[in-house]
C-alpha atoms as a PDB file:
ATOM      1  CA  UNK A   1     -28.865  56.865  -9.285  1.00  0.00           C
ATOM      2  CA  UNK A   2     -28.697  53.266  -9.237  1.00  0.00           C
ATOM      3  CA  UNK A   3     -29.344  51.113  -6.379  1.00  0.00           C
ATOM      4  CA  UNK A   4     -25.924  48.378  -5.089  1.00  0.00           C
ATOM      5  CA  UNK A   5     -27.307  44.621  -5.757  1.00  0.00           C
ATOM      6  CA  UNK A   6     -28.456  43.014  -2.175  1.00  0.00           C
ATOM      7  CA  UNK A   7     -27.545  39.826  -1.862  1.00  0.00           C
ATOM      8  CA  UNK A   8     -31.024  38.306  -2.950  1.00  0.00           C
ATOM      9  CA  UNK A   9     -30.384  40.522  -6.560  1.00  0.00           C
ATOM     10  CA  UNK A  10     -27.424  38.566  -8.755  1.00  0.00           C
ATOM     11  CA  UNK A  11     -24.812  41.372  -9.797  1.00  0.00           C
ATOM     12  CA  UNK A  12     -24.007  41.535 -13.575  1.00  0.00           C
ATOM     13  CA  UNK A  13     -20.580  40.311 -13.079  1.00  0.00           C
ATOM     14  CA  UNK A  14     -22.199  37.308 -11.206  1.00  0.00           C
ATOM     15  CA  UNK A  15     -24.887  36.417 -14.239  1.00  0.00           C
ATOM     16  CA  UNK A  16     -21.348  36.897 -16.773  1.00  0.00           C
ATOM     17  CA  UNK A  17     -20.774  33.311 -18.048  1.00  0.00           C
ATOM     18  CA  UNK A  18     -17.422  31.831 -16.807  1.00  0.00           C
ATOM     19  CA  UNK A  19     -14.376  31.451 -18.720  1.00  0.00           C
ATOM     20  CA  UNK A  20     -13.412  27.927 -19.948  1.00  0.00           C
ATOM     21  CA  UNK A  21     -10.967  26.401 -17.751  1.00  0.00           C
ATOM     22  CA  UNK A  22      -7.402  25.727 -19.957  1.00  0.00           C
ATOM     23  CA  UNK A  23      -6.863  22.138 -20.106  1.00  0.00           C
ATOM     24  CA  UNK A  24      -4.174  21.005 -18.058  1.00  0.00           C
ATOM     25  CA  UNK A  25      -0.806  20.607 -19.666  1.00  0.00           C
ATOM     26  CA  UNK A  26      -0.322  16.930 -20.913  1.00  0.00           C
ATOM     27  CA  UNK A  27       1.512  14.612 -18.421  1.00  0.00           C
ATOM     28  CA  UNK A  28       4.910  13.049 -19.832  1.00  0.00           C
ATOM     29  CA  UNK A  29       5.099   9.513 -19.795  1.00  0.00           C
ATOM     30  CA  UNK A  30       6.081   7.612 -16.446  1.00  0.00           C
ATOM     31  CA  UNK A  31       9.915   6.149 -16.222  1.00  0.00           C
ATOM     32  CA  UNK A  32      10.086   2.770 -15.729  1.00  0.00           C
ATOM     33  CA  UNK A  33      12.576   2.165 -12.617  1.00  0.00           C
ATOM     34  CA  UNK A  34      14.416  -0.899 -11.167  1.00  0.00           C
ATOM     35  CA  UNK A  35      16.053  -1.731  -7.672  1.00  0.00           C
ATOM     36  CA  UNK A  36      15.994  -4.447  -5.354  1.00  0.00           C
ATOM     37  CA  UNK A  37      13.644  -4.758  -2.593  1.00  0.00           C
ATOM     38  CA  UNK A  38      14.779  -3.175   0.795  1.00  0.00           C
ATOM     39  CA  UNK A  39      13.097  -6.575   2.584  1.00  0.00           C
ATOM     40  CA  UNK A  40      14.002  -9.245   0.601  1.00  0.00           C
ATOM     41  CA  UNK A  41      17.013  -8.210  -1.882  1.00  0.00           C
ATOM     42  CA  UNK A  42      14.203  -9.414  -4.908  1.00  0.00           C
ATOM     43  CA  UNK A  43      14.814  -7.308  -8.365  1.00  0.00           C
ATOM     44  CA  UNK A  44      11.481  -5.180  -8.927  1.00  0.00           C
ATOM     45  CA  UNK A  45      10.898  -2.604 -11.074  1.00  0.00           C
ATOM     46  CA  UNK A  46       8.421   0.247 -10.711  1.00  0.00           C
ATOM     47  CA  UNK A  47       7.125   3.550 -12.175  1.00  0.00           C
ATOM     48  CA  UNK A  48       9.310   6.842 -11.414  1.00  0.00           C
ATOM     49  CA  UNK A  49      10.895   5.647  -8.492  1.00  0.00           C
ATOM     50  CA  UNK A  50       7.899   3.858  -6.751  1.00  0.00           C
ATOM     51  CA  UNK A  51       8.046   0.349  -6.091  1.00  0.00           C
ATOM     52  CA  UNK A  52       6.232  -2.556  -4.674  1.00  0.00           C
ATOM     53  CA  UNK A  53       7.508  -6.207  -4.138  1.00  0.00           C
ATOM     54  CA  UNK A  54       5.369  -8.891  -5.111  1.00  0.00           C
ATOM     55  CA  UNK A  55       7.397 -11.722  -3.102  1.00  0.00           C
ATOM     56  CA  UNK A  56       7.388 -10.107   0.312  1.00  0.00           C
ATOM     57  CA  UNK A  57       4.569  -6.910   0.037  1.00  0.00           C
ATOM     58  CA  UNK A  58       7.150  -4.141   1.053  1.00  0.00           C
ATOM     59  CA  UNK A  59       6.302  -0.920  -0.734  1.00  0.00           C
ATOM     60  CA  UNK A  60       7.890   2.556  -0.622  1.00  0.00           C
ATOM     61  CA  UNK A  61       6.664   5.641   0.536  1.00  0.00           C
ATOM     62  CA  UNK A  62       5.139   7.732  -2.633  1.00  0.00           C
ATOM     63  CA  UNK A  63       7.510  10.563  -1.583  1.00  0.00           C
ATOM     64  CA  UNK A  64      10.357   8.327  -2.686  1.00  0.00           C
ATOM     65  CA  UNK A  65       9.209   8.904  -6.312  1.00  0.00           C
ATOM     66  CA  UNK A  66      11.273  11.017  -8.742  1.00  0.00           C
ATOM     67  CA  UNK A  67       8.357  13.405  -9.667  1.00  0.00           C
ATOM     68  CA  UNK A  68       5.458  14.332  -8.206  1.00  0.00           C
ATOM     69  CA  UNK A  69       2.147  12.867  -8.325  1.00  0.00           C
ATOM     70  CA  UNK A  70      -0.486  14.560 -10.909  1.00  0.00           C
ATOM     71  CA  UNK A  71      -3.468  15.936  -9.285  1.00  0.00           C
ATOM     72  CA  UNK A  72      -6.881  14.655 -10.005  1.00  0.00           C
ATOM     73  CA  UNK A  73      -7.815  17.458 -12.105  1.00  0.00           C
ATOM     74  CA  UNK A  74      -4.673  16.211 -13.997  1.00  0.00           C
ATOM     75  CA  UNK A  75      -5.885  12.559 -14.440  1.00  0.00           C
ATOM     76  CA  UNK A  76      -6.623  12.046 -18.140  1.00  0.00           C
ATOM     77  CA  UNK A  77      -9.002   9.681 -17.186  1.00  0.00           C
ATOM     78  CA  UNK A  78     -10.874  11.248 -14.591  1.00  0.00           C
ATOM     79  CA  UNK A  79     -14.784  11.697 -15.417  1.00  0.00           C
ATOM     80  CA  UNK A  80     -16.063  15.427 -16.439  1.00  0.00           C
ATOM     81  CA  UNK A  81     -17.157  17.565 -14.115  1.00  0.00           C
ATOM     82  CA  UNK A  82     -20.679  17.761 -12.958  1.00  0.00           C
ATOM     83  CA  UNK A  83     -20.781  13.457 -13.821  1.00  0.00           C
ATOM     84  CA  UNK A  84     -22.026  11.506 -11.353  1.00  0.00           C
ATOM     85  CA  UNK A  85     -20.353   8.306  -9.997  1.00  0.00           C
ATOM     86  CA  UNK A  86     -21.951   5.352 -11.628  1.00  0.00           C
ATOM     87  CA  UNK A  87     -24.251   2.962  -9.223  1.00  0.00           C
ATOM     88  CA  UNK A  88     -22.779   0.216  -7.543  1.00  0.00           C
ATOM     89  CA  UNK A  89     -23.282  -3.480  -8.677  1.00  0.00           C
ATOM     90  CA  UNK A  90     -25.843  -5.407  -7.382  1.00  0.00           C
ATOM     91  CA  UNK A  91     -24.647  -7.903  -4.944  1.00  0.00           C
ATOM     92  CA  UNK A  92     -23.295 -11.312  -7.144  1.00  0.00           C
ATOM     93  CA  UNK A  93     -24.122 -14.739  -6.067  1.00  0.00           C
ATOM     94  CA  UNK A  94     -23.314 -15.773  -2.073  1.00  0.00           C
ATOM     95  CA  UNK A  95     -20.735 -18.277  -1.650  1.00  0.00           C
ATOM     96  CA  UNK A  96     -21.862 -22.065  -0.543  1.00  0.00           C
ATOM     97  CA  UNK A  97     -24.492 -23.916  -1.652  1.00  0.00           C
ATOM     98  CA  UNK A  98     -27.733 -22.783  -3.519  1.00  0.00           C
ATOM     99  CA  UNK A  99     -30.864 -21.347  -1.579  1.00  0.00           C
ATOM    100  CA  UNK A 100     -33.461 -23.777  -1.010  1.00  0.00           C
ATOM    101  CA  UNK A 101     -34.427 -26.628   1.779  1.00  0.00           C
ATOM    102  CA  UNK A 102     -31.760 -27.419   4.064  1.00  0.00           C
ATOM    103  CA  UNK A 103     -29.653 -30.952   3.377  1.00  0.00           C
ATOM    104  CA  UNK A 104     -30.984 -33.511   5.397  1.00  0.00           C
ATOM    105  CA  UNK A 105     -31.736 -37.401   5.082  1.00  0.00           C
ATOM    106  CA  UNK A 106     -33.132 -38.914   1.333  1.00  0.00           C
ATOM    107  CA  UNK A 107     -36.598 -38.494   0.657  1.00  0.00           C
ATOM    108  CA  UNK A 108     -38.317 -41.595   1.551  1.00  0.00           C
ATOM    109  CA  UNK A 109     -40.658 -44.016   3.750  1.00  0.00           C
ATOM    110  CA  UNK A 110     -40.185 -42.861   6.860  1.00  0.00           C
ATOM    111  CA  UNK A 111     -39.455 -45.050   9.684  1.00  0.00           C
ATOM    112  CA  UNK A 112     -41.545 -45.256  12.484  1.00  0.00           C
ATOM    113  CA  UNK A 113     -42.169 -47.656  15.578  1.00  0.00           C
ATOM    114  CA  UNK A 114     -43.030 -50.996  14.792  1.00  0.00           C
ATOM    115  CA  UNK A 115     -46.732 -52.044  13.848  1.00  0.00           C
ATOM    116  CA  UNK A 116     -48.275 -55.348  14.576  1.00  0.00           C
ATOM    117  CA  UNK A 117     -48.807 -56.889  11.629  1.00  0.00           C
END
């Protein structure tokens, strides 16, 4: 008689390698669409019915597009699974004067109380 595996013991099914996932179907190229801005009337272009006006800043809602947006796993530029995000860049130079002594009067002989010469 064989024992049933417990939670601490992996079953034969759990140790079997998982089948490779099927690659997603290639995405169709987005369609270039044109319309008038609903706020200022400027003629604008967008992709698949999604627009943003560079003049007044108006943006239509993503749900107004002609096609659904791709999921993250359908993105061809998405890094492979298990890959870690890159480290953030170190902070860049600060805006303003370079570090050093604070600006003040020019170096030179110090003036003091008059001496009795």
